[in-house]
């Protein structure tokens, strides 16, 4: 299972989740597969946004990369789309440390309140 952290920041005076960050550096990602399946379970441990490592090779996962599944709290990532963008920018998939997903995008796809 791929590990993840959820980073929070303050929005309108309240702590709110902003990024779900998947650690793909320490996991085997089969880039030959079209889809990476992820299970998430709220509530999350809170990590302040200041702890996010901006110097890591972070790849943004766009809402168009997210796939809805029939299983609750499970979503997919279209690896074909992600790899295509990496190739456009000359980045090798083995260099990627993290996938970064906007929590708002994930909420839209999963129809959750995280």
Protein backbone atom coordinates (compact mmCIF):
# COMPACT_ATOMS: atom_id res chain seq x y z
CA UNK A 1 0.00 0.00 0.00
CA UNK A 2 1.29 3.44 -0.88
CA UNK A 3 1.83 5.69 2.11
CA UNK A 4 0.45 9.20 2.13
CA UNK A 5 0.34 12.32 4.23
CA UNK A 6 -2.28 15.02 4.33
CA UNK A 7 -1.01 18.57 4.74
CA UNK A 8 -3.19 21.18 6.38
CA UNK A 9 -3.22 24.94 6.35
CA UNK A 10 -5.55 27.55 7.74
CA UNK A 11 -8.54 28.62 5.67
CA UNK A 12 -10.96 31.20 7.11
CA UNK A 13 -9.42 30.65 10.55
CA UNK A 14 -9.84 26.87 10.56
CA UNK A 15 -7.42 24.06 9.81
CA UNK A 16 -8.29 22.60 6.43
CA UNK A 17 -6.67 19.80 4.41
CA UNK A 18 -5.02 21.13 1.26
CA UNK A 19 -2.80 18.39 -0.20
CA UNK A 20 -2.78 14.62 -0.12
CA UNK A 21 0.80 13.63 -0.87
CA UNK A 22 1.55 10.07 -1.98
CA UNK A 23 5.10 8.87 -1.36
CA UNK A 24 5.91 7.08 -4.61
CA UNK A 25 9.70 7.15 -4.16
CA UNK A 26 9.64 4.38 -1.55
CA UNK A 27 7.02 2.30 -3.38
CA UNK A 28 7.07 0.25 -6.54
CA UNK A 29 4.92 1.91 -9.17
CA UNK A 30 4.28 -0.28 -12.20
CA UNK A 31 4.29 2.34 -14.95
CA UNK A 32 3.24 -0.37 -17.43
CA UNK A 33 -0.16 -0.34 -15.71
CA UNK A 34 -2.62 2.32 -16.83
CA UNK A 35 -4.03 2.96 -13.36
CA UNK A 36 -2.69 3.22 -9.81
CA UNK A 37 -5.37 2.41 -7.22
CA UNK A 38 -5.27 4.23 -3.87
CA UNK A 39 -7.35 3.72 -0.72
CA UNK A 40 -7.79 6.69 1.63
CA UNK A 41 -9.39 6.76 5.03
CA UNK A 42 -10.37 9.88 6.95
CA UNK A 43 -9.73 11.28 9.50
CA UNK A 44 -6.12 11.98 8.63
CA UNK A 45 -3.11 12.75 10.76
CA UNK A 46 -2.49 16.46 10.41
CA UNK A 47 0.80 17.64 8.96
CA UNK A 48 1.34 21.40 8.76
CA UNK A 49 1.90 22.79 5.27
CA UNK A 50 5.28 24.10 6.45
CA UNK A 51 6.53 20.49 6.66
CA UNK A 52 5.94 19.91 2.93
CA UNK A 53 9.23 19.46 1.07
CA UNK A 54 9.17 21.79 -1.95
CA UNK A 55 12.61 20.57 -3.04
CA UNK A 56 11.48 16.98 -3.60
CA UNK A 57 10.50 15.87 -7.11
CA UNK A 58 6.78 16.50 -6.60
CA UNK A 59 4.36 15.80 -9.43
CA UNK A 60 0.93 17.37 -9.36
CA UNK A 61 -1.92 14.98 -10.04
CA UNK A 62 -4.61 16.92 -11.88
CA UNK A 63 -8.33 16.36 -11.44
CA UNK A 64 -8.33 14.92 -14.98
CA UNK A 65 -5.87 12.25 -13.77
CA UNK A 66 -8.21 11.09 -10.99
CA UNK A 67 -10.50 8.14 -11.63
CA UNK A 68 -13.60 7.18 -9.72
CA UNK A 69 -13.95 3.55 -8.67
CA UNK A 70 -16.94 1.58 -7.46
CA UNK A 71 -15.34 1.03 -4.04
CA UNK A 72 -15.86 3.53 -1.23
CA UNK A 73 -12.78 5.64 -0.33
CA UNK A 74 -10.84 4.24 -3.29
CA UNK A 75 -9.74 6.21 -6.32
CA UNK A 76 -7.46 5.70 -9.26
CA UNK A 77 -4.73 7.75 -10.87
CA UNK A 78 -4.35 7.57 -14.63
CA UNK A 79 -0.64 6.73 -14.88
CA UNK A 80 -0.72 7.05 -18.66
CA UNK A 81 -1.64 10.76 -18.36
CA UNK A 82 0.96 11.36 -15.66
CA UNK A 83 3.73 9.60 -17.58
CA UNK A 84 2.85 11.55 -20.73
CA UNK A 85 3.28 14.86 -18.84
CA UNK A 86 6.56 13.65 -17.33
CA UNK A 87 7.85 12.75 -20.79
CA UNK A 88 6.84 16.18 -22.15
CA UNK A 89 9.07 17.78 -19.51
CA UNK A 90 11.94 15.31 -19.87
CA UNK A 91 11.43 13.77 -16.43
CA UNK A 92 12.07 10.07 -15.86
CA UNK A 93 9.36 8.42 -13.75
CA UNK A 94 12.04 6.88 -11.50
CA UNK A 95 12.98 10.42 -10.38
CA UNK A 96 9.54 11.17 -8.89
CA UNK A 97 9.34 11.39 -5.09
CA UNK A 98 5.71 12.31 -4.53
CA UNK A 99 2.35 12.66 -6.21
CA UNK A 100 0.57 15.76 -4.90
CA UNK A 101 -3.22 15.88 -5.08
CA UNK A 102 -5.35 18.89 -4.16
CA UNK A 103 -7.77 17.67 -1.49
CA UNK A 104 -10.55 19.73 -3.10
CA UNK A 105 -10.09 17.72 -6.33
CA UNK A 106 -10.18 14.46 -4.41
CA UNK A 107 -13.34 15.54 -2.57
CA UNK A 108 -14.97 16.29 -5.93
CA UNK A 109 -14.06 12.88 -7.34
CA UNK A 110 -14.93 10.85 -4.24
CA UNK A 111 -17.87 13.04 -3.21
CA UNK A 112 -16.40 13.16 0.29
CA UNK A 113 -15.90 15.75 2.93
CA UNK A 114 -12.38 15.10 4.14
